[in-house]
Amino acid sequence: MMFITRAMDTQADRLGPELTAEWRQLLIDRINMARVLNTSYRPSAHDSSNWQNASARAYRTAAQVAWRLK
C-alpha cells in the first residue's frame, strides 16, 4: 500500500487517471471496512467485511502500478 501511495503522490501522471481513481476508491473502501470492524465486535461483522477481496484488489493494483512504472 505504501508503494502504491508513494507512486500516486510522485508519479500520478505516469499512472493515469483510471488507475489513480481505482486506487483512491480502494483506499476509501478499506477505510470504511476498518470503521465497520472497529465499531462492531460481533463475529458477523468480521465475516461480512470481505477483507480477502480488498487485499486481492490491492495486490492487483500494485501489479498494475509496478508495470506502468517500468
N, C-alpha and C. Protein backbone atom coordinates (compact mmCIF):
# COMPACT_ATOMS: atom_id res chain seq x y z
N MET A 1 0.83 -1.18 0.00
CA MET A 1 0.00 0.00 0.00
C MET A 1 0.88 1.25 0.00
N MET A 2 1.99 1.18 0.72
CA MET A 2 2.89 2.34 0.74
C MET A 2 3.50 2.58 -0.63
N PHE A 3 3.87 1.50 -1.32
CA PHE A 3 4.44 1.62 -2.67
C PHE A 3 3.47 2.33 -3.60
N ILE A 4 2.24 1.91 -3.58
CA ILE A 4 1.24 2.50 -4.48
C ILE A 4 0.96 3.95 -4.10
N THR A 5 0.81 4.21 -2.83
CA THR A 5 0.52 5.57 -2.39
C THR A 5 1.66 6.51 -2.75
N ARG A 6 2.89 6.07 -2.56
CA ARG A 6 4.04 6.89 -2.93
C ARG A 6 4.05 7.15 -4.44
N ALA A 7 3.78 6.13 -5.22
CA ALA A 7 3.73 6.30 -6.67
C ALA A 7 2.62 7.28 -7.07
N MET A 8 1.49 7.20 -6.41
CA MET A 8 0.38 8.11 -6.71
C MET A 8 0.78 9.56 -6.39
N ASP A 9 1.54 9.74 -5.32
CA ASP A 9 1.96 11.08 -4.93
C ASP A 9 3.03 11.65 -5.85
N THR A 10 3.93 10.81 -6.31
CA THR A 10 5.09 11.32 -7.05
C THR A 10 5.01 11.12 -8.56
N GLN A 11 4.23 10.16 -9.03
CA GLN A 11 4.22 9.85 -10.46
C GLN A 11 2.82 9.60 -10.99
N ALA A 12 1.86 10.32 -10.48
CA ALA A 12 0.47 10.12 -10.89
C ALA A 12 0.29 10.29 -12.40
N ASP A 13 1.06 11.17 -13.01
CA ASP A 13 0.93 11.38 -14.46
C ASP A 13 1.29 10.13 -15.25
N ARG A 14 2.21 9.31 -14.77
CA ARG A 14 2.58 8.07 -15.46
C ARG A 14 1.56 6.97 -15.24
N LEU A 15 0.78 7.08 -14.17
CA LEU A 15 -0.18 6.02 -13.85
C LEU A 15 -1.52 6.22 -14.53
N GLY A 16 -1.87 7.45 -14.79
CA GLY A 16 -3.12 7.74 -15.47
C GLY A 16 -4.28 7.92 -14.51
N PRO A 17 -5.31 8.59 -14.98
CA PRO A 17 -6.44 8.90 -14.11
C PRO A 17 -7.26 7.68 -13.70
N GLU A 18 -7.36 6.67 -14.56
CA GLU A 18 -8.17 5.49 -14.22
C GLU A 18 -7.55 4.71 -13.07
N LEU A 19 -6.25 4.46 -13.16
CA LEU A 19 -5.58 3.70 -12.11
C LEU A 19 -5.53 4.50 -10.81
N THR A 20 -5.32 5.79 -10.91
CA THR A 20 -5.31 6.65 -9.73
C THR A 20 -6.69 6.64 -9.06
N ALA A 21 -7.74 6.74 -9.85
CA ALA A 21 -9.10 6.71 -9.30
C ALA A 21 -9.41 5.36 -8.67
N GLU A 22 -8.96 4.28 -9.31
CA GLU A 22 -9.19 2.94 -8.77
C GLU A 22 -8.52 2.80 -7.40
N TRP A 23 -7.28 3.29 -7.28
CA TRP A 23 -6.57 3.19 -6.02
C TRP A 23 -7.25 4.03 -4.94
N ARG A 24 -7.66 5.24 -5.29
CA ARG A 24 -8.35 6.07 -4.31
C ARG A 24 -9.62 5.40 -3.80
N GLN A 25 -10.37 4.77 -4.71
CA GLN A 25 -11.59 4.07 -4.29
C GLN A 25 -11.25 2.89 -3.40
N LEU A 26 -10.19 2.17 -3.72
CA LEU A 26 -9.78 1.05 -2.89
C LEU A 26 -9.43 1.53 -1.48
N LEU A 27 -8.72 2.66 -1.37
CA LEU A 27 -8.39 3.20 -0.06
C LEU A 27 -9.65 3.59 0.71
N ILE A 28 -10.59 4.21 0.03
CA ILE A 28 -11.85 4.58 0.68
C ILE A 28 -12.58 3.34 1.17
N ASP A 29 -12.62 2.31 0.35
CA ASP A 29 -13.28 1.06 0.74
C ASP A 29 -12.61 0.43 1.96
N ARG A 30 -11.27 0.43 1.99
CA ARG A 30 -10.55 -0.15 3.13
C ARG A 30 -10.76 0.67 4.40
N ILE A 31 -10.80 1.99 4.27
CA ILE A 31 -11.07 2.83 5.43
C ILE A 31 -12.47 2.54 5.98
N ASN A 32 -13.44 2.45 5.09
CA ASN A 32 -14.81 2.15 5.53
C ASN A 32 -14.90 0.77 6.18
N MET A 33 -14.16 -0.20 5.63
CA MET A 33 -14.15 -1.54 6.20
C MET A 33 -13.56 -1.49 7.62
N ALA A 34 -12.49 -0.73 7.79
CA ALA A 34 -11.87 -0.61 9.11
C ALA A 34 -12.83 0.05 10.10
N ARG A 35 -13.58 1.01 9.63
CA ARG A 35 -14.56 1.66 10.51
C ARG A 35 -15.61 0.67 10.99
N VAL A 36 -16.09 -0.17 10.10
CA VAL A 36 -17.09 -1.17 10.47
C VAL A 36 -16.49 -2.15 11.47
N LEU A 37 -15.28 -2.62 11.20
CA LEU A 37 -14.68 -3.61 12.09
C LEU A 37 -14.34 -3.03 13.45
N ASN A 38 -13.98 -1.76 13.50
CA ASN A 38 -13.60 -1.15 14.76
C ASN A 38 -14.79 -0.71 15.60
N THR A 39 -15.96 -0.64 15.01
CA THR A 39 -17.13 -0.25 15.79
C THR A 39 -18.04 -1.42 16.11
N SER A 40 -17.70 -2.60 15.60
CA SER A 40 -18.54 -3.76 15.85
C SER A 40 -17.65 -4.95 16.20
N TYR A 41 -17.89 -5.55 17.32
CA TYR A 41 -17.10 -6.70 17.75
C TYR A 41 -17.83 -8.02 17.53
N ARG A 42 -18.93 -7.96 16.82
CA ARG A 42 -19.66 -9.18 16.54
C ARG A 42 -18.94 -9.99 15.47
N PRO A 43 -18.92 -11.31 15.56
CA PRO A 43 -18.30 -12.13 14.52
C PRO A 43 -18.91 -11.89 13.15
N SER A 44 -20.19 -11.58 13.08
CA SER A 44 -20.83 -11.37 11.78
C SER A 44 -20.24 -10.17 11.06
N ALA A 45 -19.77 -9.17 11.79
CA ALA A 45 -19.15 -8.01 11.15
C ALA A 45 -17.86 -8.41 10.47
N HIS A 46 -17.10 -9.29 11.11
CA HIS A 46 -15.85 -9.76 10.51
C HIS A 46 -16.11 -10.64 9.30
N ASP A 47 -17.14 -11.46 9.36
CA ASP A 47 -17.45 -12.35 8.26
C ASP A 47 -17.88 -11.58 7.01
N SER A 48 -18.52 -10.45 7.20
CA SER A 48 -19.04 -9.71 6.05
C SER A 48 -18.09 -8.61 5.58
N SER A 49 -16.91 -8.53 6.15
CA SER A 49 -16.01 -7.44 5.81
C SER A 49 -15.39 -7.58 4.43
N ASN A 50 -15.31 -8.81 3.92
CA ASN A 50 -14.78 -9.05 2.58
C ASN A 50 -13.33 -8.59 2.46
N TRP A 51 -12.55 -8.78 3.51
CA TRP A 51 -11.18 -8.31 3.50
C TRP A 51 -10.32 -9.04 2.48
N GLN A 52 -10.65 -10.29 2.17
CA GLN A 52 -9.87 -11.03 1.17
C GLN A 52 -9.97 -10.35 -0.19
N ASN A 53 -11.17 -9.91 -0.55
CA ASN A 53 -11.36 -9.22 -1.82
C ASN A 53 -10.60 -7.90 -1.84
N ALA A 54 -10.63 -7.17 -0.74
CA ALA A 54 -9.92 -5.89 -0.67
C ALA A 54 -8.42 -6.11 -0.81
N SER A 55 -7.90 -7.15 -0.20
CA SER A 55 -6.47 -7.45 -0.32
C SER A 55 -6.12 -7.85 -1.75
N ALA A 56 -6.95 -8.65 -2.36
CA ALA A 56 -6.70 -9.05 -3.75
C ALA A 56 -6.72 -7.83 -4.67
N ARG A 57 -7.64 -6.91 -4.44
CA ARG A 57 -7.69 -5.68 -5.24
C ARG A 57 -6.42 -4.87 -5.04
N ALA A 58 -5.92 -4.80 -3.82
CA ALA A 58 -4.69 -4.04 -3.55
C ALA A 58 -3.50 -4.66 -4.27
N TYR A 59 -3.39 -5.99 -4.25
CA TYR A 59 -2.28 -6.65 -4.94
C TYR A 59 -2.38 -6.49 -6.45
N ARG A 60 -3.58 -6.57 -6.99
CA ARG A 60 -3.75 -6.36 -8.44
C ARG A 60 -3.35 -4.95 -8.82
N THR A 61 -3.77 -3.99 -8.01
CA THR A 61 -3.44 -2.60 -8.30
C THR A 61 -1.94 -2.38 -8.19
N ALA A 62 -1.29 -2.97 -7.19
CA ALA A 62 0.16 -2.86 -7.05
C ALA A 62 0.87 -3.42 -8.27
N ALA A 63 0.38 -4.51 -8.80
CA ALA A 63 0.98 -5.09 -10.01
C ALA A 63 0.82 -4.14 -11.20
N GLN A 64 -0.35 -3.53 -11.32
CA GLN A 64 -0.57 -2.59 -12.42
C GLN A 64 0.33 -1.37 -12.28
N VAL A 65 0.48 -0.86 -11.07
CA VAL A 65 1.35 0.29 -10.83
C VAL A 65 2.79 -0.06 -11.17
N ALA A 66 3.27 -1.21 -10.70
CA ALA A 66 4.64 -1.63 -11.00
C ALA A 66 4.86 -1.77 -12.51
N TRP A 67 3.88 -2.32 -13.21
CA TRP A 67 4.01 -2.49 -14.65
C TRP A 67 4.11 -1.14 -15.36
N ARG A 68 3.30 -0.19 -14.92
CA ARG A 68 3.31 1.14 -15.58
C ARG A 68 4.56 1.94 -15.26
N LEU A 69 5.19 1.65 -14.14
CA LEU A 69 6.40 2.40 -13.76
C LEU A 69 7.67 1.79 -14.30
N LYS A 70 7.59 0.73 -15.08
CA LYS A 70 8.78 0.10 -15.66
C LYS A 70 9.54 1.08 -16.51
